[in-house]
Amino acid sequence: MSKTYLPMDVYTAARQRMERVFDDFPNVYLSFSAGKDSGVMLNLALEVAHEKDCLPLNVLILDLEAQYQHTADYIQRVADNPDVNLHWVCLPLHLRNAVSQIQPHWMCWDPDAKDL
């Protein structure tokens, strides 16, 4: 199967798709991990939401408790943005532990480990 190329650049195509989301849905929530990809999507969504007078933008952050300091600082900057209606969720979740072969899973926000 051959590729079919659109007659536009990636940014233009992404904007068109984001505009359609805001046109088709009365409530838009953006899931944000504070990684590079979700950061790009956040900025694109804020740009389109501003143009369509849909601010503040609803943003969901699922906090996994163990973050690099720069990531936590980035999340805080997003939280402080008046154009963002932040939903910052901290829930106990079982996660893979990529830093230990002895303990391959761990639970973020473990209610039994509050002292840690």
Protein backbone atom coordinates (compact mmCIF):
# COMPACT_ATOMS: atom_id res chain seq x y z
CA MET A 1 0.00 0.00 0.00
CA SER A 2 1.48 3.34 -1.02
CA LYS A 3 1.45 6.49 1.08
CA THR A 4 -0.92 9.31 0.23
CA TYR A 5 0.52 12.72 1.04
CA LEU A 6 -1.66 15.68 1.95
CA PRO A 7 -0.99 18.96 0.14
CA MET A 8 -0.12 20.67 3.46
CA ASP A 9 2.48 20.64 6.20
CA VAL A 10 2.09 18.79 9.52
CA TYR A 11 1.30 21.95 11.49
CA THR A 12 -1.55 22.94 9.14
CA ALA A 13 -3.02 19.42 9.23
CA ALA A 14 -2.79 19.31 13.04
CA ARG A 15 -4.51 22.69 13.33
CA GLN A 16 -7.34 21.54 11.06
CA ARG A 17 -7.86 18.47 13.22
CA MET A 18 -7.75 20.49 16.44
CA GLU A 19 -10.22 23.04 15.01
CA ARG A 20 -12.58 20.20 14.17
CA VAL A 21 -12.41 18.93 17.75
CA PHE A 22 -13.42 22.35 19.08
CA ASP A 23 -16.13 22.68 16.42
CA ASP A 24 -17.65 19.23 17.00
CA PHE A 25 -17.54 18.93 20.80
CA PRO A 26 -18.95 21.31 23.42
CA ASN A 27 -16.45 20.16 26.08
CA VAL A 28 -12.81 19.53 25.25
CA TYR A 29 -10.36 18.00 27.72
CA LEU A 30 -6.70 17.60 26.90
CA SER A 31 -4.74 14.87 28.66
CA PHE A 32 -1.32 16.26 29.57
CA SER A 33 1.68 14.23 30.74
CA ALA A 34 4.19 17.10 30.63
CA GLY A 35 6.16 15.23 27.99
CA LYS A 36 7.24 16.78 24.71
CA ASP A 37 4.33 15.41 22.66
CA SER A 38 1.60 16.47 25.08
CA GLY A 39 3.34 19.84 25.46
CA VAL A 40 3.03 20.41 21.72
CA MET A 41 -0.64 19.35 21.83
CA LEU A 42 -1.28 21.66 24.79
CA ASN A 43 0.15 24.65 22.95
CA LEU A 44 -1.75 23.80 19.77
CA ALA A 45 -5.01 23.37 21.71
CA LEU A 46 -4.49 26.65 23.56
CA GLU A 47 -3.85 28.43 20.27
CA VAL A 48 -7.06 27.09 18.70
CA ALA A 49 -9.12 27.51 21.90
CA HIS A 50 -8.05 31.16 22.06
CA GLU A 51 -9.09 31.77 18.44
CA LYS A 52 -12.45 30.04 18.99
CA ASP A 53 -13.08 31.80 22.33
CA CYS A 54 -13.10 28.46 24.18
CA LEU A 55 -10.85 29.39 27.06
CA PRO A 56 -10.07 28.27 29.64
CA LEU A 57 -8.99 24.92 28.21
CA ASN A 58 -9.74 21.89 30.37
CA VAL A 59 -6.48 20.03 31.00
CA LEU A 60 -6.16 16.70 32.81
CA ILE A 61 -2.91 15.75 34.51
CA LEU A 62 -2.66 12.25 35.94
CA ASP A 63 0.13 12.74 38.48
CA LEU A 64 2.34 9.62 38.77
CA GLU A 65 4.00 10.97 41.94
CA ALA A 66 7.64 10.35 40.92
CA GLN A 67 8.63 13.15 38.52
CA TYR A 68 11.86 14.85 37.57
CA GLN A 69 12.03 18.33 39.10
CA HIS A 70 11.98 20.02 35.67
CA THR A 71 8.84 18.06 34.79
CA ALA A 72 7.17 19.08 38.05
CA ASP A 73 8.15 22.71 37.38
CA TYR A 74 6.64 22.50 33.89
CA ILE A 75 3.40 21.09 35.30
CA GLN A 76 3.30 23.94 37.81
CA ARG A 77 3.74 26.53 35.03
CA VAL A 78 0.80 24.96 33.19
CA ALA A 79 -1.22 24.98 36.43
CA ASP A 80 -0.48 28.69 36.86
CA ASN A 81 -1.62 29.56 33.32
CA PRO A 82 -4.96 31.44 33.54
CA ASP A 83 -5.97 29.97 30.16
CA VAL A 84 -5.93 26.47 31.68
CA ASN A 85 -8.66 24.92 33.82
CA LEU A 86 -6.50 22.26 35.44
CA HIS A 87 -7.75 18.92 36.74
CA TRP A 88 -4.73 17.53 38.62
CA VAL A 89 -5.49 13.96 39.68
CA CYS A 90 -3.46 11.87 42.15
CA LEU A 91 -4.72 8.30 42.39
CA PRO A 92 -3.19 5.01 43.54
CA LEU A 93 -2.20 3.21 40.34
CA HIS A 94 -0.13 0.09 39.75
CA LEU A 95 2.72 0.97 37.38
CA ARG A 96 5.66 -0.79 35.78
CA ASN A 97 8.93 -0.07 37.53
CA ALA A 98 11.66 0.24 34.90
CA VAL A 99 14.41 0.93 37.44
CA SER A 100 14.26 -2.33 39.40
CA GLN A 101 14.34 -6.00 38.47
CA ILE A 102 13.54 -6.94 42.07
CA GLN A 103 10.34 -4.88 42.22
CA PRO A 104 8.92 -4.82 38.65
CA HIS A 105 5.78 -2.91 39.73
CA TRP A 106 5.04 -0.13 42.17
CA MET A 107 1.99 1.87 43.21
CA CYS A 108 2.01 5.62 42.94
CA TRP A 109 0.13 7.47 45.70
CA ASP A 110 0.05 4.23 47.69
CA PRO A 111 -2.13 4.95 50.74
CA ASP A 112 -0.07 2.45 52.75
CA ALA A 113 3.19 4.28 51.97
CA LYS A 114 2.31 7.85 52.93
CA ASP A 115 5.30 8.04 55.28
CA LEU A 116 7.66 7.47 52.33
